[in-house]
N, C-alpha and C. Protein backbone atom coordinates (compact mmCIF):
# COMPACT_ATOMS: atom_id res chain seq x y z
N UNK A 1 -5.74 26.35 -6.76
CA UNK A 1 -6.21 25.19 -6.13
C UNK A 1 -7.56 24.85 -5.88
N UNK A 2 -8.22 26.07 -5.74
CA UNK A 2 -9.86 26.11 -5.63
C UNK A 2 -10.45 25.53 -6.73
N UNK A 3 -9.88 25.97 -8.02
CA UNK A 3 -10.73 25.47 -9.20
C UNK A 3 -10.27 23.93 -9.33
N UNK A 4 -9.04 23.44 -8.95
CA UNK A 4 -8.68 22.21 -8.94
C UNK A 4 -9.74 21.25 -8.04
N UNK A 5 -9.92 21.94 -6.77
CA UNK A 5 -10.81 21.08 -5.98
C UNK A 5 -11.98 21.09 -6.60
N UNK A 6 -12.68 22.21 -7.10
CA UNK A 6 -14.00 22.06 -7.67
C UNK A 6 -14.16 21.01 -8.75
N UNK A 7 -13.09 21.07 -9.67
CA UNK A 7 -13.30 19.99 -10.79
C UNK A 7 -13.17 18.42 -10.20
N UNK A 8 -12.35 18.41 -9.00
CA UNK A 8 -12.10 16.84 -8.38
C UNK A 8 -13.53 16.69 -7.94
N UNK A 9 -14.59 17.43 -7.33
CA UNK A 9 -15.81 17.38 -6.90
C UNK A 9 -16.79 16.56 -7.77
N UNK A 10 -16.16 16.94 -9.07
CA UNK A 10 -17.23 16.50 -10.09
C UNK A 10 -16.69 15.02 -10.55
N UNK A 11 -15.44 14.58 -10.15
CA UNK A 11 -15.01 13.42 -10.77
C UNK A 11 -15.26 12.40 -9.62
N UNK A 12 -15.05 11.03 -10.28
CA UNK A 12 -15.46 9.79 -9.11
C UNK A 12 -13.97 9.59 -8.51
N UNK A 13 -12.88 10.01 -8.86
CA UNK A 13 -11.57 9.53 -8.33
C UNK A 13 -11.15 10.31 -7.27
N UNK A 14 -10.52 9.99 -6.33
CA UNK A 14 -9.80 10.72 -5.07
C UNK A 14 -8.93 11.70 -5.59
N UNK A 15 -8.88 12.82 -4.78
CA UNK A 15 -8.12 14.16 -5.50
C UNK A 15 -6.68 13.95 -5.19
N UNK A 16 -6.25 13.27 -4.38
CA UNK A 16 -4.96 13.25 -3.93
C UNK A 16 -3.82 13.47 -5.06
N UNK A 17 -4.08 12.56 -6.13
CA UNK A 17 -3.31 12.26 -7.28
C UNK A 17 -3.05 13.73 -7.91
N UNK A 18 -4.17 14.26 -8.21
CA UNK A 18 -4.29 15.41 -8.84
C UNK A 18 -3.88 16.55 -8.29
N UNK A 19 -4.07 16.66 -6.91
CA UNK A 19 -3.20 17.57 -6.04
C UNK A 19 -1.60 17.36 -6.21
N UNK A 20 -1.12 16.30 -6.08
CA UNK A 20 0.22 15.95 -6.41
C UNK A 20 0.62 16.31 -7.75
N UNK A 21 -0.23 16.14 -8.90
CA UNK A 21 0.25 16.51 -10.08
C UNK A 21 0.19 17.97 -10.19
N UNK A 22 -0.58 18.79 -9.76
CA UNK A 22 -0.85 20.05 -9.76
C UNK A 22 0.41 20.67 -9.09
N UNK A 23 0.90 20.13 -8.01
CA UNK A 23 2.07 20.72 -7.44
C UNK A 23 3.31 20.22 -8.03
N UNK A 24 3.31 19.14 -8.72
CA UNK A 24 4.64 18.86 -9.73
C UNK A 24 4.63 19.97 -10.84
N UNK A 25 3.50 20.08 -11.39
CA UNK A 25 3.45 20.92 -12.59
C UNK A 25 3.72 22.46 -12.15
N UNK A 26 3.33 22.81 -10.97
CA UNK A 26 3.60 24.23 -10.47
C UNK A 26 5.13 24.30 -10.15
N UNK A 27 6.05 23.29 -9.82
CA UNK A 27 7.41 23.29 -9.51
C UNK A 27 8.06 23.31 -10.83
N UNK A 28 7.58 22.68 -11.58
CA UNK A 28 8.35 22.49 -13.18
C UNK A 28 8.04 23.80 -14.11
N UNK A 29 6.74 24.32 -13.84
CA UNK A 29 6.07 25.37 -14.53
C UNK A 29 5.71 25.00 -15.78
N UNK A 30 5.33 23.58 -15.90
CA UNK A 30 4.91 23.16 -17.23
C UNK A 30 3.75 21.99 -16.80
N UNK A 31 2.95 22.07 -17.81
CA UNK A 31 2.04 20.47 -17.79
C UNK A 31 1.96 20.08 -19.28
N UNK A 32 2.67 19.09 -19.31
CA UNK A 32 2.74 18.30 -20.37
C UNK A 32 2.39 16.84 -20.09
N UNK A 33 2.36 15.99 -20.86
CA UNK A 33 2.19 14.34 -20.70
C UNK A 33 3.48 13.90 -19.95
N UNK A 34 4.66 14.54 -20.38
CA UNK A 34 5.79 13.98 -19.49
C UNK A 34 5.89 14.36 -18.23
N UNK A 35 5.25 15.60 -17.81
CA UNK A 35 5.05 15.71 -16.29
C UNK A 35 4.39 14.47 -15.55
N UNK A 36 3.21 13.99 -16.19
CA UNK A 36 2.33 13.36 -15.54
C UNK A 36 2.95 11.65 -15.67
N UNK A 37 3.59 11.50 -16.67
CA UNK A 37 4.30 10.39 -16.88
C UNK A 37 5.64 9.96 -15.82
N UNK A 38 6.24 11.35 -15.79
CA UNK A 38 7.32 11.33 -14.82
C UNK A 38 7.03 11.11 -13.36
N UNK A 39 5.95 11.64 -13.06
CA UNK A 39 5.46 11.44 -11.65
C UNK A 39 4.90 9.97 -11.55
N UNK A 40 4.28 9.48 -12.67
CA UNK A 40 4.02 8.00 -12.65
C UNK A 40 5.38 7.25 -12.37
N UNK A 41 6.33 7.44 -13.12
CA UNK A 41 7.49 6.48 -13.03
C UNK A 41 8.21 6.58 -11.71
N UNK A 42 8.17 7.86 -10.99
CA UNK A 42 8.64 8.01 -9.60
C UNK A 42 7.84 7.10 -8.70
N UNK A 43 6.49 7.31 -8.92
CA UNK A 43 5.60 6.45 -8.09
C UNK A 43 5.74 4.84 -8.53
N UNK A 44 6.15 4.59 -9.73
CA UNK A 44 6.59 3.05 -9.91
C UNK A 44 7.57 2.93 -8.91
N UNK A 45 8.80 3.62 -9.05
CA UNK A 45 9.85 3.43 -8.35
C UNK A 45 9.64 3.21 -6.96
N UNK A 46 8.73 3.85 -6.31
CA UNK A 46 8.49 3.82 -4.86
C UNK A 46 7.51 2.41 -4.71
N UNK A 47 6.46 2.29 -5.74
CA UNK A 47 5.81 0.97 -5.61
C UNK A 47 6.72 -0.23 -5.69
N UNK A 48 7.78 -0.36 -6.55
CA UNK A 48 8.51 -1.57 -6.53
C UNK A 48 9.44 -1.60 -5.18
N UNK A 49 9.84 -0.55 -4.81
CA UNK A 49 10.45 -0.52 -3.25
C UNK A 49 9.54 -1.06 -2.28
N UNK A 50 8.43 -0.46 -2.35
CA UNK A 50 7.49 -0.99 -1.37
C UNK A 50 7.02 -2.54 -1.55
N UNK A 51 7.04 -2.94 -2.62
CA UNK A 51 6.78 -4.20 -3.04
C UNK A 51 7.76 -5.34 -2.59
N UNK A 52 9.09 -4.67 -2.78
CA UNK A 52 10.39 -5.29 -2.21
C UNK A 52 10.33 -5.63 -0.76
N UNK A 53 9.96 -4.60 -0.15
CA UNK A 53 9.96 -4.48 1.37
C UNK A 53 8.63 -5.60 1.88
N UNK A 54 7.72 -5.55 1.22
CA UNK A 54 6.55 -6.64 1.51
C UNK A 54 7.12 -8.00 1.18
N UNK A 55 7.73 -8.09 0.19
CA UNK A 55 8.20 -9.27 -0.27
C UNK A 55 9.23 -9.92 0.89
N UNK A 56 10.12 -9.14 1.19
CA UNK A 56 11.13 -9.39 2.41
C UNK A 56 10.31 -9.65 3.62
N UNK A 57 9.23 -9.06 3.94
CA UNK A 57 8.38 -9.20 5.03
C UNK A 57 7.82 -10.57 5.04
N UNK A 58 7.25 -10.99 3.91
CA UNK A 58 6.71 -12.01 3.80
C UNK A 58 7.47 -13.59 3.64
N UNK A 59 8.42 -13.25 2.95
CA UNK A 59 9.34 -14.62 2.43
C UNK A 59 10.64 -14.52 3.25
N UNK A 60 11.13 -13.33 3.75
CA UNK A 60 12.47 -13.14 4.39
C UNK A 60 13.72 -13.70 3.63
N UNK A 61 13.46 -13.67 2.21
CA UNK A 61 14.48 -14.11 1.14
C UNK A 61 14.53 -12.95 0.08
N UNK A 62 15.86 -12.24 -0.29
CA UNK A 62 15.81 -11.31 -1.23
C UNK A 62 15.53 -11.89 -2.42
N UNK A 63 15.96 -12.95 -2.81
CA UNK A 63 15.77 -13.44 -4.09
C UNK A 63 14.04 -13.70 -4.56
N UNK A 64 13.45 -14.21 -3.57
CA UNK A 64 11.96 -14.29 -3.78
C UNK A 64 11.40 -12.91 -3.47
N UNK A 65 11.70 -12.03 -2.87
CA UNK A 65 11.25 -10.64 -2.84
C UNK A 65 11.61 -9.97 -4.30
N UNK A 66 12.75 -10.20 -4.84
CA UNK A 66 13.06 -9.67 -6.22
C UNK A 66 12.05 -10.38 -7.07
N UNK A 67 12.07 -11.44 -7.18
CA UNK A 67 10.91 -12.19 -8.11
C UNK A 67 9.62 -11.46 -8.14
N UNK A 68 9.10 -11.22 -6.80
CA UNK A 68 7.91 -10.71 -6.74
C UNK A 68 7.90 -9.36 -7.43
N UNK A 69 9.00 -8.64 -7.10
CA UNK A 69 8.94 -7.39 -7.94
C UNK A 69 9.20 -7.45 -9.57
N UNK A 70 9.70 -8.42 -9.91
CA UNK A 70 9.89 -8.68 -11.47
C UNK A 70 8.38 -9.09 -11.97
N UNK A 71 7.69 -10.08 -11.26
CA UNK A 71 6.30 -10.42 -11.61
C UNK A 71 5.56 -8.94 -11.87
N UNK A 72 5.77 -8.28 -10.90
CA UNK A 72 4.95 -6.90 -11.16
C UNK A 72 5.51 -5.91 -12.25
N UNK A 73 6.64 -5.87 -12.30
CA UNK A 73 7.44 -4.89 -13.34
C UNK A 73 7.29 -5.39 -14.63
N UNK A 74 7.27 -6.54 -14.92
CA UNK A 74 7.01 -6.90 -16.53
C UNK A 74 5.59 -7.51 -16.72
N UNK A 75 4.61 -7.05 -15.88
CA UNK A 75 3.36 -7.25 -16.15
C UNK A 75 2.72 -6.16 -17.19
N UNK A 76 1.78 -6.76 -18.16
CA UNK A 76 1.17 -6.02 -18.83
C UNK A 76 0.18 -4.75 -18.16
N UNK A 77 -0.25 -5.45 -17.28
CA UNK A 77 -1.20 -4.17 -16.30
C UNK A 77 -0.39 -3.15 -15.83
N UNK A 78 0.86 -3.24 -15.43
CA UNK A 78 1.65 -2.22 -14.78
C UNK A 78 2.06 -1.35 -15.91
N UNK A 79 2.38 -1.53 -17.18
CA UNK A 79 2.61 -0.77 -18.18
C UNK A 79 1.15 0.05 -18.35
N UNK A 80 0.16 -0.47 -18.42
CA UNK A 80 -0.97 0.21 -18.73
C UNK A 80 -1.44 1.24 -17.50
N UNK A 81 -0.97 0.71 -16.51
CA UNK A 81 -1.40 1.70 -15.30
C UNK A 81 -0.33 2.87 -15.14
N UNK A 82 0.89 2.59 -15.45
CA UNK A 82 2.01 3.77 -15.52
C UNK A 82 1.57 4.68 -16.71
N UNK A 83 1.42 4.42 -17.87
CA UNK A 83 1.09 4.98 -19.11
C UNK A 83 -0.02 5.92 -18.89
N UNK A 84 -1.21 5.51 -18.29
CA UNK A 84 -2.24 6.45 -18.06
C UNK A 84 -1.86 7.25 -16.98
N UNK A 85 -2.17 8.78 -17.26
CA UNK A 85 -1.87 9.70 -16.18
C UNK A 85 -3.01 9.94 -15.61
N UNK A 86 -3.40 8.97 -14.43
CA UNK A 86 -4.68 8.66 -13.59
C UNK A 86 -4.03 8.33 -12.28
N UNK A 87 -5.15 8.10 -11.43
CA UNK A 87 -4.66 7.65 -10.09
C UNK A 87 -4.38 6.22 -9.55
N UNK A 88 -4.21 5.66 -10.82
CA UNK A 88 -3.89 4.26 -10.34
C UNK A 88 -2.48 3.75 -10.07
N UNK A 89 -1.68 4.53 -10.43
CA UNK A 89 -0.06 4.26 -9.87
C UNK A 89 -0.19 4.57 -8.40
N UNK A 90 -0.76 5.70 -8.18
CA UNK A 90 -0.76 6.16 -6.76
C UNK A 90 -1.46 5.12 -5.80
N UNK A 91 -2.66 4.81 -6.29
CA UNK A 91 -3.61 3.78 -5.46
C UNK A 91 -2.69 2.45 -5.37
N UNK A 92 -2.12 2.06 -6.37
CA UNK A 92 -1.36 0.67 -6.21
C UNK A 92 -0.15 1.02 -5.28
N UNK A 93 0.47 2.00 -5.26
CA UNK A 93 1.49 2.40 -4.20
C UNK A 93 0.96 2.44 -2.88
N UNK A 94 -0.08 3.15 -2.62
CA UNK A 94 -0.63 3.02 -1.48
C UNK A 94 -1.24 1.65 -0.85
N UNK A 95 -1.91 1.02 -1.76
CA UNK A 95 -2.55 -0.43 -1.32
C UNK A 95 -1.37 -1.44 -0.82
N UNK A 96 0.10 -1.09 -1.58
CA UNK A 96 1.01 -2.20 -1.30
C UNK A 96 1.72 -1.54 0.01
N UNK A 97 1.72 -0.39 0.29
CA UNK A 97 2.13 0.26 1.60
C UNK A 97 1.33 -0.14 2.65
N UNK A 98 0.02 -0.20 2.42
CA UNK A 98 -0.98 -0.85 3.42
C UNK A 98 -0.76 -2.28 3.77
N UNK A 99 -0.43 -2.78 2.62
CA UNK A 99 -0.23 -4.32 2.86
C UNK A 99 1.05 -4.49 3.68
N UNK A 100 2.06 -3.90 3.35
CA UNK A 100 3.23 -4.02 4.04
C UNK A 100 3.20 -3.53 5.41
N UNK A 101 2.50 -2.45 5.67
CA UNK A 101 2.34 -2.08 7.19
C UNK A 101 1.41 -3.10 7.84
N UNK A 102 0.46 -3.64 7.41
CA UNK A 102 -0.36 -4.74 7.82
C UNK A 102 0.44 -5.92 8.26
N UNK A 103 1.37 -6.43 7.28
CA UNK A 103 2.20 -7.51 7.49
C UNK A 103 3.13 -7.13 8.59
N UNK A 104 3.69 -6.11 8.84
CA UNK A 104 4.59 -5.85 9.70
C UNK A 104 4.00 -5.92 11.24
N UNK A 105 2.99 -5.07 11.19
CA UNK A 105 2.10 -5.29 12.35
C UNK A 105 1.71 -6.65 12.75
N UNK A 106 1.26 -7.25 12.05
CA UNK A 106 0.85 -8.74 12.37
C UNK A 106 2.09 -9.60 12.85
N UNK A 107 3.06 -9.37 12.10
CA UNK A 107 4.29 -10.25 12.45
C UNK A 107 4.96 -9.82 13.80
N UNK A 108 4.76 -8.54 14.24
CA UNK A 108 5.23 -8.02 15.48
C UNK A 108 4.28 -8.24 16.61
N UNK A 109 2.89 -8.45 16.38
CA UNK A 109 1.98 -8.75 17.29
C UNK A 109 2.02 -10.21 17.61
N UNK A 110 2.44 -11.10 16.64
CA UNK A 110 2.57 -12.60 17.21
C UNK A 110 3.53 -12.77 18.24
N UNK A 111 4.58 -11.91 18.12
CA UNK A 111 5.81 -12.06 18.93
C UNK A 111 5.68 -11.40 20.34
N UNK A 112 4.41 -10.83 20.68
CA UNK A 112 4.14 -10.02 21.94
C UNK A 112 3.77 -11.23 22.87
N UNK A 113 4.29 -11.29 24.05
CA UNK A 113 3.90 -12.36 24.94
C UNK A 113 2.73 -12.31 25.56
N UNK A 114 2.05 -11.00 25.64
CA UNK A 114 0.86 -10.90 26.62
C UNK A 114 -0.33 -11.22 25.64
N UNK A 115 -0.41 -11.45 24.47
CA UNK A 115 -1.17 -12.20 23.56
C UNK A 115 -1.18 -13.81 23.40
N UNK A 116 -1.79 -14.37 24.11
CA UNK A 116 -1.55 -15.79 24.12
C UNK A 116 -2.66 -16.48 23.29
N UNK A 117 -2.62 -17.57 22.83
CA UNK A 117 -3.65 -18.31 22.24
C UNK A 117 -4.90 -18.46 22.92
N UNK A 118 -4.97 -18.56 24.24
CA UNK A 118 -5.81 -18.77 24.99
C UNK A 118 -6.74 -17.44 24.87
N UNK A 119 -6.18 -16.50 25.19
CA UNK A 119 -6.98 -15.15 24.66
C UNK A 119 -7.55 -14.90 23.44
N UNK A 120 -6.96 -15.51 22.35
CA UNK A 120 -7.61 -15.38 21.02
C UNK A 120 -8.81 -16.41 20.98
N UNK A 121 -8.95 -17.44 21.83
CA UNK A 121 -10.13 -18.18 21.90
C UNK A 121 -11.41 -17.47 22.39
N UNK A 122 -11.03 -16.45 23.27
CA UNK A 122 -12.23 -16.03 24.19
C UNK A 122 -12.39 -14.52 23.69
N UNK A 123 -12.08 -13.99 22.46
CA UNK A 123 -12.32 -12.79 21.90
C UNK A 123 -13.63 -12.67 21.77
N UNK A 124 -14.27 -11.67 22.20
CA UNK A 124 -15.71 -11.29 21.84
C UNK A 124 -15.98 -9.67 21.61
N UNK A 125 -16.96 -9.18 21.02
CA UNK A 125 -17.22 -7.94 20.62
C UNK A 125 -17.37 -7.04 21.86
N UNK A 126 -17.39 -7.72 23.13
CA UNK A 126 -17.65 -6.91 24.30
C UNK A 126 -16.35 -6.49 25.05
N UNK A 127 -15.18 -7.01 24.28
CA UNK A 127 -14.00 -6.51 24.76
C UNK A 127 -13.54 -5.31 24.23
N UNK A 128 -12.26 -4.83 24.73
CA UNK A 128 -11.90 -3.44 24.28
C UNK A 128 -11.81 -3.36 22.69
N UNK A 129 -12.42 -2.47 22.16
CA UNK A 129 -12.40 -2.36 20.52
C UNK A 129 -10.91 -2.31 19.92
N UNK A 130 -10.13 -1.23 20.84
CA UNK A 130 -8.78 -1.21 20.48
C UNK A 130 -7.87 -2.53 20.29
N UNK A 131 -8.29 -3.33 21.55
CA UNK A 131 -7.48 -4.51 21.62
C UNK A 131 -8.08 -5.51 20.52
N UNK A 132 -9.34 -5.54 20.18
CA UNK A 132 -9.71 -6.29 18.99
C UNK A 132 -9.01 -5.90 17.72
N UNK A 133 -9.04 -4.74 17.78
CA UNK A 133 -8.36 -4.22 16.23
C UNK A 133 -6.85 -4.61 16.18
N UNK A 134 -6.03 -4.67 17.36
CA UNK A 134 -4.75 -4.80 17.22
C UNK A 134 -4.51 -6.29 17.46
N UNK A 135 -5.47 -7.02 18.11
CA UNK A 135 -5.06 -8.52 18.19
C UNK A 135 -5.61 -9.40 17.27
N UNK A 136 -6.74 -9.00 16.49
CA UNK A 136 -7.34 -9.82 15.63
C UNK A 136 -6.35 -10.44 14.71
N UNK A 137 -5.62 -9.42 13.94
CA UNK A 137 -4.80 -10.12 12.80
C UNK A 137 -3.64 -11.07 13.66
N UNK A 138 -3.16 -10.67 14.75
CA UNK A 138 -2.33 -11.64 15.36
C UNK A 138 -3.00 -13.05 15.80
N UNK A 139 -4.02 -12.80 16.24
CA UNK A 139 -4.90 -14.23 16.47
C UNK A 139 -4.71 -15.07 15.37
N UNK A 140 -5.34 -14.39 14.34
CA UNK A 140 -5.48 -15.31 12.84
C UNK A 140 -3.99 -15.79 12.65
N UNK A 141 -2.85 -14.89 12.84
CA UNK A 141 -1.58 -15.32 12.17
C UNK A 141 -1.35 -16.59 12.97
N UNK A 142 -1.47 -16.63 14.47
CA UNK A 142 -1.26 -17.56 15.38
C UNK A 142 -2.06 -18.88 14.91
N UNK A 143 -3.30 -18.58 14.76
CA UNK A 143 -4.13 -19.86 14.42
C UNK A 143 -3.64 -20.49 12.96
N UNK A 144 -3.18 -19.52 12.12
CA UNK A 144 -2.69 -20.08 10.84
C UNK A 144 -1.37 -20.97 10.81
N UNK A 145 -0.37 -20.17 11.83
CA UNK A 145 0.86 -20.73 12.08
C UNK A 145 0.92 -22.12 12.80
N UNK A 146 0.20 -22.12 13.96
CA UNK A 146 0.27 -23.17 15.10
C UNK A 146 -0.66 -24.23 14.88
N UNK A 147 -1.85 -24.29 14.11
CA UNK A 147 -2.70 -25.25 14.13
C UNK A 147 -2.98 -25.77 12.72
């Protein structure tokens, strides 16, 4: 693991993917292109599941959420991303998970009664920073939804 970490310090990509690849190769006791491709296909399945969850969060319709998954699944760039044994599939998954988490937080924040639109109009950087980080997406969502 120490050699892997040293090699990653010389690379511009984040080391998480290669740590996972090293773990998978250690479990199966082989390092072939199929090990990397297999891990990318598992990550692709997780990405499609996360994309479906994000589509359901945005559209609240399973047909539209499946259409979003199909748009990604039949995209030429997805094929290129999965067939290269690089960090791109994992980064796509993490980005979609971040989007899904942000969508879930902002949709729950809009429903909270203690954040009123009046409070959103008077936000300033002198307020509590934690409140600002939590309420800014909510206020933006309220503004886009109700005005």
